[in-house]
Amino acid sequence: MASNFASSNQIMGVRKTADVLEKTTWGVAAFIMVLCFVCAFLSKNEVKSLRGNQVQTEQTQSTEDTQSQTQE
């Protein structure tokens, strides 16, 4: 029975399996970190553009209010 298990270790080996798992883990961790930085950068730019639009809308509304008050 032990001979059946020995053949599976000969295909890739225990050490190589551990190395592949470790490299894959570090690769996935690095990918997640990069993804987090990209998402943070994109959301920061989106918030800036939304705030710019909000300020522009408020200025337009205040200008319209001023014009309507002067017309009355």
Protein backbone atom coordinates (compact mmCIF):
# COMPACT_ATOMS: atom_id res chain seq x y z
CA MET A 1 0.00 0.00 0.00
CA ALA A 2 2.86 2.39 0.71
CA SER A 3 4.09 1.92 -2.84
CA ASN A 4 0.91 3.55 -4.19
CA PHE A 5 1.56 6.76 -2.23
CA ALA A 6 5.21 6.88 -3.25
CA SER A 7 4.28 7.18 -6.92
CA SER A 8 2.28 10.37 -6.33
CA ASN A 9 5.30 12.03 -4.68
CA GLN A 10 7.45 11.19 -7.67
CA ILE A 11 5.35 13.23 -10.07
CA MET A 12 6.02 16.60 -8.52
CA GLY A 13 7.49 15.98 -5.10
CA VAL A 14 6.54 17.31 -1.71
CA ARG A 15 9.06 20.15 -1.74
CA LYS A 16 8.02 21.39 -5.14
CA THR A 17 4.38 21.29 -4.13
CA ALA A 18 5.14 23.42 -1.07
CA ASP A 19 7.16 25.84 -3.22
CA VAL A 20 4.35 26.18 -5.74
CA LEU A 21 1.80 26.78 -2.97
CA GLU A 22 4.01 29.39 -1.31
CA LYS A 23 4.71 31.23 -4.57
CA THR A 24 1.03 31.16 -5.48
CA THR A 25 0.09 32.51 -2.05
CA TRP A 26 2.55 35.39 -2.32
CA GLY A 27 1.40 36.09 -5.87
CA VAL A 28 -2.24 36.26 -4.84
CA ALA A 29 -1.37 38.47 -1.85
CA ALA A 30 0.59 40.85 -4.10
CA PHE A 31 -2.26 40.94 -6.62
CA ILE A 32 -4.78 41.81 -3.88
CA MET A 33 -2.55 44.61 -2.58
CA VAL A 34 -2.13 46.09 -6.06
CA LEU A 35 -5.87 45.80 -6.60
CA CYS A 36 -6.50 47.68 -3.34
CA PHE A 37 -4.17 50.51 -4.35
CA VAL A 38 -5.77 50.79 -7.79
CA CYS A 39 -9.27 50.87 -6.29
CA ALA A 40 -8.25 53.50 -3.73
CA PHE A 41 -6.71 55.66 -6.45
CA LEU A 42 -9.75 55.38 -8.71
CA SER A 43 -12.23 56.09 -5.92
CA LYS A 44 -10.20 59.12 -4.81
CA ASN A 45 -10.41 60.57 -8.31
CA GLU A 46 -14.13 59.83 -8.49
CA VAL A 47 -14.79 61.59 -5.19
CA LYS A 48 -12.88 64.64 -6.41
CA SER A 49 -14.89 64.81 -9.61
CA LEU A 50 -18.16 64.36 -7.71
CA ARG A 51 -17.24 67.13 -5.29
CA GLY A 52 -16.31 69.39 -8.20
CA ASN A 53 -19.70 68.77 -9.78
CA GLN A 54 -21.44 69.45 -6.46
CA VAL A 55 -19.65 72.77 -6.00
CA GLN A 56 -20.43 73.71 -9.58
CA THR A 57 -24.10 72.84 -9.06
CA GLU A 58 -24.25 74.87 -5.84
CA GLN A 59 -22.66 77.87 -7.57
CA THR A 60 -25.15 77.61 -10.42
CA GLN A 61 -28.06 77.40 -7.99
CA SER A 62 -26.84 80.38 -5.97
CA THR A 63 -26.41 82.40 -9.17
CA GLU A 64 -29.93 81.50 -10.26
CA ASP A 65 -31.29 82.43 -6.82
CA THR A 66 -29.51 85.77 -6.93
CA GLN A 67 -30.85 86.49 -10.39
CA SER A 68 -34.42 85.59 -9.39
CA GLN A 69 -34.19 87.85 -6.31
CA THR A 70 -32.97 90.80 -8.36
CA GLN A 71 -35.77 90.31 -10.87
CA GLU A 72 -38.43 90.47 -8.14
